[in-house]
Amino acid sequence: MCCRYVIAVTAKRLSEKFNAALKESLFTQTYNAAPGQNLPVITQEEPDKIQLFKWGLLPHWAKDEKIANKLLNARAETILEKPSFKNSFKHARCLVPATGFYEWQAPKSKKDPYKTPFHIHLKNNDIFAFAGLYSIWHKDKKDETATFNIITTKPNSLVEKIHNRMPVILKKEDYAKWLNPNIPPEEAHDLLKPLNARALQAHEVSRKVNSPKNNTPDLIEALT
């Protein structure tokens, strides 16, 4: 599961990286992106624009907004089958820009019952994109909410030492294909693989990240 990530970059750099327009006044970098927050995405419908969508998918048929808390992620293995995701997978895929993400390792002993957070990022510290889905949910005719989630898959050899799932990190050369509305669903699904472990590195970080109220650069610093 992916429930926290980092997007520590300027609006200008983000716009340049994805060759997409972004209004600087709308975006603030974050070291602790959390569910329910409005965060940058690039959609199939408007691939030349970076928009802010709420994290937690609300399918168009949802009757209760609370369902978004259960749809923060979508499993790659079942995404073509689940009613909550299959329509978005075919028609509403998105890129979710990030510079890192957090996963929590299970307690190693009864003496220390707390999970240990790790910050995971590209070795070159570059910006990347998760594979995501999006949906525009209408509470009524006038009130609409743009939402998204992040697709997860089995972990690579680095992440499996920390957690049993990891978010799908797309290769840069696959961004256009992921956003292409004309490719067959099976071809898009083939992109949902764990990134090579050699491209990533991980280090233990402070448990301050456990609270979304904390959002400072020191959250991604390695513990000494």
C-alpha atoms as a PDB file:
ATOM      1  CA  MET A   1       0.000   0.000   0.000  1.00  0.00           C
ATOM      2  CA  CYS A   2       1.160   3.529  -0.697  1.00  0.00           C
ATOM      3  CA  CYS A   3      -0.364   6.057   1.699  1.00  0.00           C
ATOM      4  CA  ARG A   4       2.302   8.784   1.908  1.00  0.00           C
ATOM      5  CA  TYR A   5       4.705  10.256  -0.595  1.00  0.00           C
ATOM      6  CA  VAL A   6       6.924  13.237  -1.309  1.00  0.00           C
ATOM      7  CA  ILE A   7       6.864  15.858  -4.038  1.00  0.00           C
ATOM      8  CA  ALA A   8       9.645  18.218  -3.011  1.00  0.00           C
ATOM      9  CA  VAL A   9      10.167  20.289  -6.139  1.00  0.00           C
ATOM     10  CA  THR A  10       9.287  23.751  -7.422  1.00  0.00           C
ATOM     11  CA  ALA A  11       6.286  24.335  -9.657  1.00  0.00           C
ATOM     12  CA  LYS A  12       8.626  25.487 -12.430  1.00  0.00           C
ATOM     13  CA  ARG A  13      10.728  22.333 -12.278  1.00  0.00           C
ATOM     14  CA  LEU A  14       7.621  20.148 -12.179  1.00  0.00           C
ATOM     15  CA  SER A  15       6.176  21.885 -15.220  1.00  0.00           C
ATOM     16  CA  GLU A  16       9.444  21.534 -17.145  1.00  0.00           C
ATOM     17  CA  LYS A  17       9.851  17.865 -16.259  1.00  0.00           C
ATOM     18  CA  PHE A  18       6.458  16.865 -17.637  1.00  0.00           C
ATOM     19  CA  ASN A  19       6.216  19.545 -20.310  1.00  0.00           C
ATOM     20  CA  ALA A  20       2.857  20.553 -18.874  1.00  0.00           C
ATOM     21  CA  ALA A  21       1.467  23.875 -17.695  1.00  0.00           C
ATOM     22  CA  LEU A  22       1.055  24.463 -13.966  1.00  0.00           C
ATOM     23  CA  LYS A  23      -0.177  27.621 -12.258  1.00  0.00           C
ATOM     24  CA  GLU A  24       2.498  28.286  -9.632  1.00  0.00           C
ATOM     25  CA  SER A  25       0.059  29.776  -7.137  1.00  0.00           C
ATOM     26  CA  LEU A  26      -1.838  26.481  -6.927  1.00  0.00           C
ATOM     27  CA  PHE A  27       1.090  24.237  -6.024  1.00  0.00           C
ATOM     28  CA  THR A  28       3.093  23.905  -2.817  1.00  0.00           C
ATOM     29  CA  GLN A  29       5.748  21.238  -2.484  1.00  0.00           C
ATOM     30  CA  THR A  30       5.157  18.685   0.251  1.00  0.00           C
ATOM     31  CA  TYR A  31       7.292  16.232   2.198  1.00  0.00           C
ATOM     32  CA  ASN A  32       4.299  14.305   3.501  1.00  0.00           C
ATOM     33  CA  ALA A  33       1.562  14.039   0.887  1.00  0.00           C
ATOM     34  CA  ALA A  34      -1.392  12.303   2.518  1.00  0.00           C
ATOM     35  CA  PRO A  35      -4.842  10.986   1.554  1.00  0.00           C
ATOM     36  CA  GLY A  36      -7.513  13.649   1.226  1.00  0.00           C
ATOM     37  CA  GLN A  37      -5.062  16.310   0.062  1.00  0.00           C
ATOM     38  CA  ASN A  38      -5.182  18.020  -3.326  1.00  0.00           C
ATOM     39  CA  LEU A  39      -2.094  16.922  -5.235  1.00  0.00           C
ATOM     40  CA  PRO A  40      -0.698  17.211  -8.801  1.00  0.00           C
ATOM     41  CA  VAL A  41      -1.792  14.822 -11.539  1.00  0.00           C
ATOM     42  CA  ILE A  42      -1.561  14.727 -15.339  1.00  0.00           C
ATOM     43  CA  THR A  43      -4.588  13.166 -16.979  1.00  0.00           C
ATOM     44  CA  GLN A  44      -5.339  11.417 -20.247  1.00  0.00           C
ATOM     45  CA  GLU A  45      -7.861  14.105 -21.059  1.00  0.00           C
ATOM     46  CA  GLU A  46      -5.449  17.017 -20.572  1.00  0.00           C
ATOM     47  CA  PRO A  47      -1.873  15.689 -20.828  1.00  0.00           C
ATOM     48  CA  ASP A  48      -0.403  19.159 -21.335  1.00  0.00           C
ATOM     49  CA  LYS A  49      -1.703  20.441 -18.008  1.00  0.00           C
ATOM     50  CA  ILE A  50      -0.886  19.668 -14.363  1.00  0.00           C
ATOM     51  CA  GLN A  51      -3.997  19.775 -12.185  1.00  0.00           C
ATOM     52  CA  LEU A  52      -4.666  19.294  -8.473  1.00  0.00           C
ATOM     53  CA  PHE A  53      -6.938  16.341  -7.658  1.00  0.00           C
ATOM     54  CA  LYS A  54      -7.960  14.957  -4.273  1.00  0.00           C
ATOM     55  CA  TRP A  55      -6.197  11.737  -3.230  1.00  0.00           C
ATOM     56  CA  GLY A  56      -8.809   9.004  -2.741  1.00  0.00           C
ATOM     57  CA  LEU A  57     -10.746   7.779  -5.762  1.00  0.00           C
ATOM     58  CA  LEU A  58     -14.490   8.416  -5.914  1.00  0.00           C
ATOM     59  CA  PRO A  59     -16.034   6.408  -8.772  1.00  0.00           C
ATOM     60  CA  HIS A  60     -18.831   8.232 -10.574  1.00  0.00           C
ATOM     61  CA  TRP A  61     -21.385   5.830  -9.083  1.00  0.00           C
ATOM     62  CA  ALA A  62     -20.301   6.345  -5.454  1.00  0.00           C
ATOM     63  CA  LYS A  63     -23.083   7.387  -3.083  1.00  0.00           C
ATOM     64  CA  ASP A  64     -20.867   8.146  -0.087  1.00  0.00           C
ATOM     65  CA  GLU A  65     -17.678  10.223  -0.111  1.00  0.00           C
ATOM     66  CA  LYS A  66     -16.221   8.023   2.628  1.00  0.00           C
ATOM     67  CA  ILE A  67     -15.529   5.275   0.086  1.00  0.00           C
ATOM     68  CA  ALA A  68     -12.522   7.341  -1.063  1.00  0.00           C
ATOM     69  CA  ASN A  69     -10.664   6.293   2.112  1.00  0.00           C
ATOM     70  CA  LYS A  70     -10.814   2.685   0.890  1.00  0.00           C
ATOM     71  CA  LEU A  71      -9.741   3.490  -2.658  1.00  0.00           C
ATOM     72  CA  LEU A  72      -6.409   5.239  -2.106  1.00  0.00           C
ATOM     73  CA  ASN A  73      -4.673   2.492  -4.064  1.00  0.00           C
ATOM     74  CA  ALA A  74      -5.598   0.013  -6.770  1.00  0.00           C
ATOM     75  CA  ARG A  75      -3.895  -3.374  -7.040  1.00  0.00           C
ATOM     76  CA  ALA A  76      -2.408  -3.953 -10.496  1.00  0.00           C
ATOM     77  CA  GLU A  77      -3.234  -7.646 -10.351  1.00  0.00           C
ATOM     78  CA  THR A  78      -7.013  -7.102 -10.149  1.00  0.00           C
ATOM     79  CA  ILE A  79      -7.455  -3.657 -11.663  1.00  0.00           C
ATOM     80  CA  LEU A  80      -9.168  -4.924 -14.823  1.00  0.00           C
ATOM     81  CA  GLU A  81     -11.770  -6.800 -12.772  1.00  0.00           C
ATOM     82  CA  LYS A  82     -12.730  -4.487  -9.898  1.00  0.00           C
ATOM     83  CA  PRO A  83     -15.886  -2.382 -10.549  1.00  0.00           C
ATOM     84  CA  SER A  84     -14.246   0.511  -8.679  1.00  0.00           C
ATOM     85  CA  PHE A  85     -11.340   0.678 -11.110  1.00  0.00           C
ATOM     86  CA  LYS A  86     -11.974  -0.990 -14.448  1.00  0.00           C
ATOM     87  CA  ASN A  87     -13.765   1.953 -16.054  1.00  0.00           C
ATOM     88  CA  SER A  88     -11.114   4.450 -14.971  1.00  0.00           C
ATOM     89  CA  PHE A  89      -8.383   2.086 -16.118  1.00  0.00           C
ATOM     90  CA  LYS A  90      -9.777   2.063 -19.624  1.00  0.00           C
ATOM     91  CA  HIS A  91     -10.654   5.755 -19.903  1.00  0.00           C
ATOM     92  CA  ALA A  92      -9.081   7.771 -17.075  1.00  0.00           C
ATOM     93  CA  ARG A  93      -5.434   6.991 -16.411  1.00  0.00           C
ATOM     94  CA  CYS A  94      -3.087   9.598 -14.987  1.00  0.00           C
ATOM     95  CA  LEU A  95       0.482  10.319 -13.956  1.00  0.00           C
ATOM     96  CA  VAL A  96       1.087  11.210 -10.314  1.00  0.00           C
ATOM     97  CA  PRO A  97       4.363  13.172 -10.003  1.00  0.00           C
ATOM     98  CA  ALA A  98       6.576  12.471  -6.990  1.00  0.00           C
ATOM     99  CA  THR A  99      10.153  12.645  -5.758  1.00  0.00           C
ATOM    100  CA  GLY A 100       9.871   9.826  -3.220  1.00  0.00           C
ATOM    101  CA  PHE A 101       7.503   7.715  -1.146  1.00  0.00           C
ATOM    102  CA  TYR A 102       7.311   6.144   2.289  1.00  0.00           C
ATOM    103  CA  GLU A 103       6.777   2.546   3.321  1.00  0.00           C
ATOM    104  CA  TRP A 104       6.651   1.121   6.831  1.00  0.00           C
ATOM    105  CA  GLN A 105       8.525  -1.981   7.921  1.00  0.00           C
ATOM    106  CA  ALA A 106       6.815  -4.300  10.400  1.00  0.00           C
ATOM    107  CA  PRO A 107       8.182  -4.359  13.980  1.00  0.00           C
ATOM    108  CA  LYS A 108      11.278  -6.521  14.351  1.00  0.00           C
ATOM    109  CA  SER A 109      10.644  -7.423  17.980  1.00  0.00           C
ATOM    110  CA  LYS A 110       8.081  -7.207  20.772  1.00  0.00           C
ATOM    111  CA  LYS A 111      10.383  -4.775  22.579  1.00  0.00           C
ATOM    112  CA  ASP A 112       9.778  -2.219  19.852  1.00  0.00           C
ATOM    113  CA  PRO A 113       6.161  -2.586  18.656  1.00  0.00           C
ATOM    114  CA  TYR A 114       6.265   0.362  16.270  1.00  0.00           C
ATOM    115  CA  LYS A 115       6.605   0.159  12.512  1.00  0.00           C
ATOM    116  CA  THR A 116       9.720   1.737  11.011  1.00  0.00           C
ATOM    117  CA  PRO A 117       9.253   4.289   8.198  1.00  0.00           C
ATOM    118  CA  PHE A 118      11.570   4.369   5.190  1.00  0.00           C
ATOM    119  CA  HIS A 119      11.948   6.994   2.488  1.00  0.00           C
ATOM    120  CA  ILE A 120      12.400   5.467  -0.968  1.00  0.00           C
ATOM    121  CA  HIS A 121      13.486   7.474  -4.008  1.00  0.00           C
ATOM    122  CA  LEU A 122      15.413   7.315  -7.266  1.00  0.00           C
ATOM    123  CA  LYS A 123      19.177   7.110  -6.823  1.00  0.00           C
ATOM    124  CA  ASN A 124      19.566  10.203  -8.966  1.00  0.00           C
ATOM    125  CA  ASN A 125      16.941  12.047  -6.865  1.00  0.00           C
ATOM    126  CA  ASP A 126      14.980  12.920 -10.000  1.00  0.00           C
ATOM    127  CA  ILE A 127      11.244  13.485 -10.283  1.00  0.00           C
ATOM    128  CA  PHE A 128       9.225  10.449 -11.391  1.00  0.00           C
ATOM    129  CA  ALA A 129       5.580   9.484 -11.830  1.00  0.00           C
ATOM    130  CA  PHE A 130       3.360   6.846 -10.272  1.00  0.00           C
ATOM    131  CA  ALA A 131       0.735   5.190 -12.447  1.00  0.00           C
ATOM    132  CA  GLY A 132      -2.668   6.396 -11.288  1.00  0.00           C
ATOM    133  CA  LEU A 133      -6.368   6.505 -12.048  1.00  0.00           C
ATOM    134  CA  TYR A 134      -8.722   9.444 -11.783  1.00  0.00           C
ATOM    135  CA  SER A 135     -12.439  10.121 -11.612  1.00  0.00           C
ATOM    136  CA  ILE A 136     -14.695  13.185 -11.577  1.00  0.00           C
ATOM    137  CA  TRP A 137     -17.366  12.638  -8.931  1.00  0.00           C
ATOM    138  CA  HIS A 138     -20.572  14.664  -8.820  1.00  0.00           C
ATOM    139  CA  LYS A 139     -22.282  15.167  -5.510  1.00  0.00           C
ATOM    140  CA  ASP A 140     -24.989  17.022  -7.383  1.00  0.00           C
ATOM    141  CA  LYS A 141     -25.291  18.925 -10.661  1.00  0.00           C
ATOM    142  CA  LYS A 142     -23.249  21.868  -9.371  1.00  0.00           C
ATOM    143  CA  ASP A 143     -20.771  20.196  -7.028  1.00  0.00           C
ATOM    144  CA  GLU A 144     -17.993  18.042  -8.504  1.00  0.00           C
ATOM    145  CA  THR A 145     -14.792  16.606  -7.031  1.00  0.00           C
ATOM    146  CA  ALA A 146     -11.769  15.515  -9.077  1.00  0.00           C
ATOM    147  CA  THR A 147     -10.112  12.513  -7.415  1.00  0.00           C
ATOM    148  CA  PHE A 148      -7.274  10.057  -8.043  1.00  0.00           C
ATOM    149  CA  ASN A 149      -5.497   7.043  -6.635  1.00  0.00           C
ATOM    150  CA  ILE A 150      -2.163   5.259  -7.048  1.00  0.00           C
ATOM    151  CA  ILE A 151      -1.676   1.787  -8.515  1.00  0.00           C
ATOM    152  CA  THR A 152       0.417  -0.686  -6.528  1.00  0.00           C
ATOM    153  CA  THR A 153       2.155  -3.905  -7.465  1.00  0.00           C
ATOM    154  CA  LYS A 154       4.387  -6.569  -5.926  1.00  0.00           C
ATOM    155  CA  PRO A 155       7.636  -5.169  -4.504  1.00  0.00           C
ATOM    156  CA  ASN A 156      11.044  -5.353  -6.111  1.00  0.00           C
ATOM    157  CA  SER A 157      14.008  -6.848  -4.235  1.00  0.00           C
ATOM    158  CA  LEU A 158      14.741  -3.575  -2.413  1.00  0.00           C
ATOM    159  CA  VAL A 159      11.217  -2.723  -1.269  1.00  0.00           C
ATOM    160  CA  GLU A 160      10.302  -6.304  -0.311  1.00  0.00           C
ATOM    161  CA  LYS A 161      12.683  -6.006   2.638  1.00  0.00           C
ATOM    162  CA  ILE A 162      10.448  -3.203   3.907  1.00  0.00           C
ATOM    163  CA  HIS A 163       6.914  -3.910   2.685  1.00  0.00           C
ATOM    164  CA  ASN A 164       4.920  -6.414   0.632  1.00  0.00           C
ATOM    165  CA  ARG A 165       3.618  -3.813  -1.868  1.00  0.00           C
ATOM    166  CA  MET A 166       5.013  -0.837  -3.727  1.00  0.00           C
ATOM    167  CA  PRO A 167       3.561   1.857  -5.993  1.00  0.00           C
ATOM    168  CA  VAL A 168       3.994   1.438  -9.735  1.00  0.00           C
ATOM    169  CA  ILE A 169       6.719   3.840 -10.874  1.00  0.00           C
ATOM    170  CA  LEU A 170       6.494   4.288 -14.621  1.00  0.00           C
ATOM    171  CA  LYS A 171       9.557   4.632 -16.805  1.00  0.00           C
ATOM    172  CA  LYS A 172       9.829   8.049 -18.442  1.00  0.00           C
ATOM    173  CA  GLU A 173       9.587   6.494 -21.906  1.00  0.00           C
ATOM    174  CA  ASP A 174       6.240   4.945 -20.938  1.00  0.00           C
ATOM    175  CA  TYR A 175       4.495   8.158 -19.836  1.00  0.00           C
ATOM    176  CA  ALA A 176       2.987   8.853 -23.261  1.00  0.00           C
ATOM    177  CA  LYS A 177       1.814   5.279 -23.673  1.00  0.00           C
ATOM    178  CA  TRP A 178       0.154   5.296 -20.241  1.00  0.00           C
ATOM    179  CA  LEU A 179      -1.752   8.452 -21.139  1.00  0.00           C
ATOM    180  CA  ASN A 180      -2.651   7.263 -24.640  1.00  0.00           C
ATOM    181  CA  PRO A 181      -6.445   6.649 -24.686  1.00  0.00           C
ATOM    182  CA  ASN A 182      -6.216   4.545 -27.832  1.00  0.00           C
ATOM    183  CA  ILE A 183      -4.028   1.663 -26.697  1.00  0.00           C
ATOM    184  CA  PRO A 184      -5.702  -1.628 -25.686  1.00  0.00           C
ATOM    185  CA  PRO A 185      -6.196  -2.083 -21.914  1.00  0.00           C
ATOM    186  CA  GLU A 186      -3.941  -5.141 -21.981  1.00  0.00           C
ATOM    187  CA  GLU A 187      -1.087  -3.069 -23.388  1.00  0.00           C
ATOM    188  CA  ALA A 188      -1.512  -0.439 -20.689  1.00  0.00           C
ATOM    189  CA  HIS A 189      -1.645  -3.184 -18.084  1.00  0.00           C
ATOM    190  CA  ASP A 190       1.742  -4.505 -19.218  1.00  0.00           C
ATOM    191  CA  LEU A 191       3.295  -1.294 -17.862  1.00  0.00           C
ATOM    192  CA  LEU A 192       2.263  -2.089 -14.297  1.00  0.00           C
ATOM    193  CA  LYS A 193       5.466  -3.738 -13.139  1.00  0.00           C
ATOM    194  CA  PRO A 194       7.807  -3.027 -10.225  1.00  0.00           C
ATOM    195  CA  LEU A 195      10.633  -0.679 -11.136  1.00  0.00           C
ATOM    196  CA  ASN A 196      14.090  -2.257 -11.182  1.00  0.00           C
ATOM    197  CA  ALA A 197      15.505  -2.184  -7.648  1.00  0.00           C
ATOM    198  CA  ARG A 198      18.832  -0.875  -8.927  1.00  0.00           C
ATOM    199  CA  ALA A 199      17.164   2.447  -9.787  1.00  0.00           C
ATOM    200  CA  LEU A 200      16.062   3.042  -6.179  1.00  0.00           C
ATOM    201  CA  GLN A 201      17.522   3.541  -2.759  1.00  0.00           C
ATOM    202  CA  ALA A 202      15.947   3.569   0.693  1.00  0.00           C
ATOM    203  CA  HIS A 203      16.823   4.768   4.176  1.00  0.00           C
ATOM    204  CA  GLU A 204      15.143   4.825   7.560  1.00  0.00           C
ATOM    205  CA  VAL A 205      13.551   8.127   8.554  1.00  0.00           C
ATOM    206  CA  SER A 206      11.995   9.706  11.627  1.00  0.00           C
ATOM    207  CA  ARG A 207       8.647   8.513  12.917  1.00  0.00           C
ATOM    208  CA  LYS A 208       7.541  12.122  12.684  1.00  0.00           C
ATOM    209  CA  VAL A 209       6.331  11.188   9.208  1.00  0.00           C
ATOM    210  CA  ASN A 210       3.589   9.101  10.830  1.00  0.00           C
ATOM    211  CA  SER A 211       1.579  12.281  11.346  1.00  0.00           C
ATOM    212  CA  PRO A 212       0.444  14.168   8.238  1.00  0.00           C
ATOM    213  CA  LYS A 213       0.590  17.317  10.363  1.00  0.00           C
ATOM    214  CA  ASN A 214       4.367  17.150  10.024  1.00  0.00           C
ATOM    215  CA  ASN A 215       5.581  18.469   6.674  1.00  0.00           C
ATOM    216  CA  THR A 216       9.198  19.632   6.784  1.00  0.00           C
ATOM    217  CA  PRO A 217      12.369  18.764   4.811  1.00  0.00           C
ATOM    218  CA  ASP A 218      13.867  16.817   7.711  1.00  0.00           C
ATOM    219  CA  LEU A 219      11.229  14.095   7.227  1.00  0.00           C
ATOM    220  CA  ILE A 220      13.207  12.621   4.315  1.00  0.00           C
ATOM    221  CA  GLU A 221      16.593  12.815   6.024  1.00  0.00           C
ATOM    222  CA  ALA A 222      18.244   9.513   6.943  1.00  0.00           C
ATOM    223  CA  LEU A 223      18.494   8.685  10.618  1.00  0.00           C
ATOM    224  CA  THR A 224      22.085   8.650  11.827  1.00  0.00           C
END
